[in-house]
């Protein structure tokens, strides 16, 4: 799968386009199990309908299906808690398999306000789900790292 992404250039406020090539795509956009089309303006991306059976639209069990993610590149699309949960699970998979790499690219349409000192995810006061704050901290750390592009390679 190829994804055209826009990110800030290394030299300041300008943007540049880059191509991410992924072995797997987790679509965490839209509502759980019912992802949005991934193309610009909400239309299907080129090849998305053809490869729809290969696009995971729920939070995957990365431990049971580790072969799909180890030594591979995964694009996680979406900016909600399902996307961050998936990224966290891939991070845990990488930590448990140090002889392999787990390459993850987080793709969102959401702006990166972190560069202006605003968190991507705000703390929810009296949140009944304490895990959400942990996921928010991870998302904010990822958004503020690597020039606002949450691509990372973990492992040997």
C-alpha atoms as a PDB file:
ATOM      1  CA  UNK A   1       0.000   0.000   0.000  1.00  0.00           C
ATOM      2  CA  UNK A   2       1.324   3.434  -0.839  1.00  0.00           C
ATOM      3  CA  UNK A   3       0.233   6.524   1.058  1.00  0.00           C
ATOM      4  CA  UNK A   4       1.040  10.083   0.066  1.00  0.00           C
ATOM      5  CA  UNK A   5       1.610  12.140   3.226  1.00  0.00           C
ATOM      6  CA  UNK A   6       2.316  15.786   3.886  1.00  0.00           C
ATOM      7  CA  UNK A   7       4.628  16.759   6.715  1.00  0.00           C
ATOM      8  CA  UNK A   8       6.637  19.762   7.760  1.00  0.00           C
ATOM      9  CA  UNK A   9       9.974  20.122   6.044  1.00  0.00           C
ATOM     10  CA  UNK A  10      13.239  19.959   7.956  1.00  0.00           C
ATOM     11  CA  UNK A  11      13.724  23.701   7.423  1.00  0.00           C
ATOM     12  CA  UNK A  12      10.779  25.315   9.152  1.00  0.00           C
ATOM     13  CA  UNK A  13       7.194  26.070   8.299  1.00  0.00           C
ATOM     14  CA  UNK A  14       7.010  24.749   4.744  1.00  0.00           C
ATOM     15  CA  UNK A  15       5.508  21.367   3.987  1.00  0.00           C
ATOM     16  CA  UNK A  16       6.746  18.505   1.854  1.00  0.00           C
ATOM     17  CA  UNK A  17       5.135  15.408   0.428  1.00  0.00           C
ATOM     18  CA  UNK A  18       6.470  11.936   1.019  1.00  0.00           C
ATOM     19  CA  UNK A  19       5.405   8.427   0.053  1.00  0.00           C
ATOM     20  CA  UNK A  20       4.968   5.757   2.719  1.00  0.00           C
ATOM     21  CA  UNK A  21       4.982   2.166   1.526  1.00  0.00           C
ATOM     22  CA  UNK A  22       3.256  -0.210   3.951  1.00  0.00           C
ATOM     23  CA  UNK A  23       2.811  -3.954   4.161  1.00  0.00           C
ATOM     24  CA  UNK A  24      -0.326  -3.606   6.301  1.00  0.00           C
ATOM     25  CA  UNK A  25      -2.968  -0.917   6.823  1.00  0.00           C
ATOM     26  CA  UNK A  26      -5.099  -0.526   9.937  1.00  0.00           C
ATOM     27  CA  UNK A  27      -7.970   1.863   9.235  1.00  0.00           C
ATOM     28  CA  UNK A  28      -8.977   3.322  12.590  1.00  0.00           C
ATOM     29  CA  UNK A  29     -10.869   6.230  11.025  1.00  0.00           C
ATOM     30  CA  UNK A  30     -14.621   6.667  11.256  1.00  0.00           C
ATOM     31  CA  UNK A  31     -16.459   4.538  13.780  1.00  0.00           C
ATOM     32  CA  UNK A  32     -15.252   1.180  15.069  1.00  0.00           C
ATOM     33  CA  UNK A  33     -15.416  -1.390  12.264  1.00  0.00           C
ATOM     34  CA  UNK A  34     -16.763   1.183   9.795  1.00  0.00           C
ATOM     35  CA  UNK A  35     -13.786   3.179   8.610  1.00  0.00           C
ATOM     36  CA  UNK A  36     -14.021   6.211   6.387  1.00  0.00           C
ATOM     37  CA  UNK A  37     -12.666   6.098   2.852  1.00  0.00           C
ATOM     38  CA  UNK A  38      -9.001   6.986   3.031  1.00  0.00           C
ATOM     39  CA  UNK A  39      -8.767   9.231  -0.038  1.00  0.00           C
ATOM     40  CA  UNK A  40      -8.781  13.005  -0.080  1.00  0.00           C
ATOM     41  CA  UNK A  41     -12.227  14.512   0.422  1.00  0.00           C
ATOM     42  CA  UNK A  42     -13.642  11.260   1.777  1.00  0.00           C
ATOM     43  CA  UNK A  43     -13.492   9.278  -1.466  1.00  0.00           C
ATOM     44  CA  UNK A  44     -11.791   5.885  -1.789  1.00  0.00           C
ATOM     45  CA  UNK A  45      -8.036   6.024  -2.238  1.00  0.00           C
ATOM     46  CA  UNK A  46      -6.682   4.450  -5.398  1.00  0.00           C
ATOM     47  CA  UNK A  47      -6.926   0.678  -4.924  1.00  0.00           C
ATOM     48  CA  UNK A  48      -8.756   0.922  -1.599  1.00  0.00           C
ATOM     49  CA  UNK A  49     -11.876  -0.867  -2.824  1.00  0.00           C
ATOM     50  CA  UNK A  50      -9.813  -3.553  -4.546  1.00  0.00           C
ATOM     51  CA  UNK A  51      -7.708  -4.216  -1.434  1.00  0.00           C
ATOM     52  CA  UNK A  52     -10.521  -3.653   1.086  1.00  0.00           C
ATOM     53  CA  UNK A  53     -10.359  -7.257   2.304  1.00  0.00           C
ATOM     54  CA  UNK A  54      -6.738  -6.622   3.334  1.00  0.00           C
ATOM     55  CA  UNK A  55      -7.436  -3.418   5.267  1.00  0.00           C
ATOM     56  CA  UNK A  56      -8.090  -4.052   8.955  1.00  0.00           C
ATOM     57  CA  UNK A  57     -10.917  -1.841  10.204  1.00  0.00           C
ATOM     58  CA  UNK A  58     -10.901  -2.883  13.872  1.00  0.00           C
ATOM     59  CA  UNK A  59      -8.215  -2.944  16.563  1.00  0.00           C
ATOM     60  CA  UNK A  60      -6.100  -5.931  15.509  1.00  0.00           C
ATOM     61  CA  UNK A  61      -4.819  -8.626  17.826  1.00  0.00           C
ATOM     62  CA  UNK A  62      -1.176  -8.021  16.959  1.00  0.00           C
ATOM     63  CA  UNK A  63       0.088 -10.824  19.205  1.00  0.00           C
ATOM     64  CA  UNK A  64      -1.991 -13.520  17.479  1.00  0.00           C
ATOM     65  CA  UNK A  65      -1.180 -12.107  14.045  1.00  0.00           C
ATOM     66  CA  UNK A  66       2.416 -11.052  14.788  1.00  0.00           C
ATOM     67  CA  UNK A  67       3.721 -12.366  11.446  1.00  0.00           C
ATOM     68  CA  UNK A  68       1.741  -9.591   9.742  1.00  0.00           C
ATOM     69  CA  UNK A  69       3.615  -6.878  11.701  1.00  0.00           C
ATOM     70  CA  UNK A  70       7.095  -8.167  12.573  1.00  0.00           C
ATOM     71  CA  UNK A  71       9.766  -6.937  10.137  1.00  0.00           C
ATOM     72  CA  UNK A  72       7.026  -5.114   8.250  1.00  0.00           C
ATOM     73  CA  UNK A  73       5.738  -1.561   7.864  1.00  0.00           C
ATOM     74  CA  UNK A  74       2.234  -0.788   9.100  1.00  0.00           C
ATOM     75  CA  UNK A  75       0.240   2.367   8.388  1.00  0.00           C
ATOM     76  CA  UNK A  76      -2.265   3.182  11.123  1.00  0.00           C
ATOM     77  CA  UNK A  77      -4.862   5.642   9.801  1.00  0.00           C
ATOM     78  CA  UNK A  78      -7.027   7.697  12.145  1.00  0.00           C
ATOM     79  CA  UNK A  79      -6.700  10.053  15.082  1.00  0.00           C
ATOM     80  CA  UNK A  80      -8.964   8.500  17.689  1.00  0.00           C
ATOM     81  CA  UNK A  81      -8.320   6.160  20.560  1.00  0.00           C
ATOM     82  CA  UNK A  82      -8.586   3.054  18.362  1.00  0.00           C
ATOM     83  CA  UNK A  83      -5.606   4.311  16.348  1.00  0.00           C
ATOM     84  CA  UNK A  84      -3.580   5.078  19.468  1.00  0.00           C
ATOM     85  CA  UNK A  85      -4.531   1.718  21.008  1.00  0.00           C
ATOM     86  CA  UNK A  86      -3.288  -0.021  17.850  1.00  0.00           C
ATOM     87  CA  UNK A  87      -0.031   1.939  17.902  1.00  0.00           C
ATOM     88  CA  UNK A  88       0.431   1.094  21.586  1.00  0.00           C
ATOM     89  CA  UNK A  89      -0.147  -2.620  20.882  1.00  0.00           C
ATOM     90  CA  UNK A  90       2.413  -2.507  18.049  1.00  0.00           C
ATOM     91  CA  UNK A  91       4.842  -0.787  20.411  1.00  0.00           C
ATOM     92  CA  UNK A  92       4.323  -3.609  22.948  1.00  0.00           C
ATOM     93  CA  UNK A  93       4.809  -6.199  20.183  1.00  0.00           C
ATOM     94  CA  UNK A  94       8.128  -4.584  19.266  1.00  0.00           C
ATOM     95  CA  UNK A  95       9.259  -4.583  22.899  1.00  0.00           C
ATOM     96  CA  UNK A  96       8.463  -8.293  23.186  1.00  0.00           C
ATOM     97  CA  UNK A  97      10.289  -9.150  19.926  1.00  0.00           C
ATOM     98  CA  UNK A  98      13.577  -7.267  20.114  1.00  0.00           C
ATOM     99  CA  UNK A  99      15.165  -9.334  17.319  1.00  0.00           C
ATOM    100  CA  UNK A 100      12.596  -7.974  14.858  1.00  0.00           C
ATOM    101  CA  UNK A 101      11.542  -4.521  13.730  1.00  0.00           C
ATOM    102  CA  UNK A 102       8.052  -3.077  13.844  1.00  0.00           C
ATOM    103  CA  UNK A 103       7.819  -0.029  11.596  1.00  0.00           C
ATOM    104  CA  UNK A 104       4.724   2.105  12.211  1.00  0.00           C
ATOM    105  CA  UNK A 105       3.465   5.204  10.418  1.00  0.00           C
ATOM    106  CA  UNK A 106       0.584   7.083  11.979  1.00  0.00           C
ATOM    107  CA  UNK A 107      -1.467   8.910   9.338  1.00  0.00           C
ATOM    108  CA  UNK A 108      -4.156  11.431  10.279  1.00  0.00           C
ATOM    109  CA  UNK A 109      -5.970  14.326   8.677  1.00  0.00           C
ATOM    110  CA  UNK A 110      -5.822  16.139  11.976  1.00  0.00           C
ATOM    111  CA  UNK A 111      -3.617  19.206  12.215  1.00  0.00           C
ATOM    112  CA  UNK A 112      -0.559  19.134  14.412  1.00  0.00           C
ATOM    113  CA  UNK A 113      -1.149  21.824  17.025  1.00  0.00           C
ATOM    114  CA  UNK A 114       1.632  20.391  19.177  1.00  0.00           C
ATOM    115  CA  UNK A 115       4.136  22.548  17.328  1.00  0.00           C
ATOM    116  CA  UNK A 116       2.248  25.587  18.643  1.00  0.00           C
ATOM    117  CA  UNK A 117       2.295  24.284  22.219  1.00  0.00           C
ATOM    118  CA  UNK A 118      -1.226  22.826  22.193  1.00  0.00           C
ATOM    119  CA  UNK A 119      -1.670  19.139  22.982  1.00  0.00           C
ATOM    120  CA  UNK A 120      -3.231  16.970  20.308  1.00  0.00           C
ATOM    121  CA  UNK A 121      -5.385  15.330  22.979  1.00  0.00           C
ATOM    122  CA  UNK A 122      -6.718  17.307  25.932  1.00  0.00           C
ATOM    123  CA  UNK A 123      -6.984  15.746  29.374  1.00  0.00           C
ATOM    124  CA  UNK A 124     -10.569  14.844  30.277  1.00  0.00           C
ATOM    125  CA  UNK A 125     -11.221  15.846  33.860  1.00  0.00           C
ATOM    126  CA  UNK A 126     -12.675  13.061  36.043  1.00  0.00           C
ATOM    127  CA  UNK A 127     -12.385  10.627  33.138  1.00  0.00           C
ATOM    128  CA  UNK A 128     -13.895   7.259  34.184  1.00  0.00           C
ATOM    129  CA  UNK A 129     -11.470   5.498  31.816  1.00  0.00           C
ATOM    130  CA  UNK A 130      -7.948   6.004  33.219  1.00  0.00           C
ATOM    131  CA  UNK A 131      -6.335   4.195  30.270  1.00  0.00           C
ATOM    132  CA  UNK A 132      -7.498   7.018  27.997  1.00  0.00           C
ATOM    133  CA  UNK A 133      -5.089   9.448  29.708  1.00  0.00           C
ATOM    134  CA  UNK A 134      -2.198   7.019  29.111  1.00  0.00           C
ATOM    135  CA  UNK A 135      -3.156   6.780  25.437  1.00  0.00           C
ATOM    136  CA  UNK A 136      -3.483  10.575  25.207  1.00  0.00           C
ATOM    137  CA  UNK A 137       0.028  11.017  26.610  1.00  0.00           C
ATOM    138  CA  UNK A 138       1.387   8.520  24.060  1.00  0.00           C
ATOM    139  CA  UNK A 139      -0.423  10.297  21.213  1.00  0.00           C
ATOM    140  CA  UNK A 140       0.839  13.707  22.318  1.00  0.00           C
ATOM    141  CA  UNK A 141       4.398  12.393  22.603  1.00  0.00           C
ATOM    142  CA  UNK A 142       4.233  10.854  19.126  1.00  0.00           C
ATOM    143  CA  UNK A 143       2.741  13.994  17.598  1.00  0.00           C
ATOM    144  CA  UNK A 144       5.490  16.147  19.100  1.00  0.00           C
ATOM    145  CA  UNK A 145       8.291  13.817  17.985  1.00  0.00           C
ATOM    146  CA  UNK A 146       9.875  13.210  14.601  1.00  0.00           C
ATOM    147  CA  UNK A 147       8.795  16.567  13.173  1.00  0.00           C
ATOM    148  CA  UNK A 148       5.131  15.800  13.706  1.00  0.00           C
ATOM    149  CA  UNK A 149       5.349  12.562  11.723  1.00  0.00           C
ATOM    150  CA  UNK A 150       4.729   9.563  13.937  1.00  0.00           C
ATOM    151  CA  UNK A 151       6.745   7.119  11.915  1.00  0.00           C
ATOM    152  CA  UNK A 152       9.063   4.960  13.940  1.00  0.00           C
ATOM    153  CA  UNK A 153      11.109   1.824  13.631  1.00  0.00           C
ATOM    154  CA  UNK A 154      11.526  -0.243  16.751  1.00  0.00           C
ATOM    155  CA  UNK A 155      13.752  -3.270  17.204  1.00  0.00           C
ATOM    156  CA  UNK A 156      17.135  -4.564  16.105  1.00  0.00           C
END
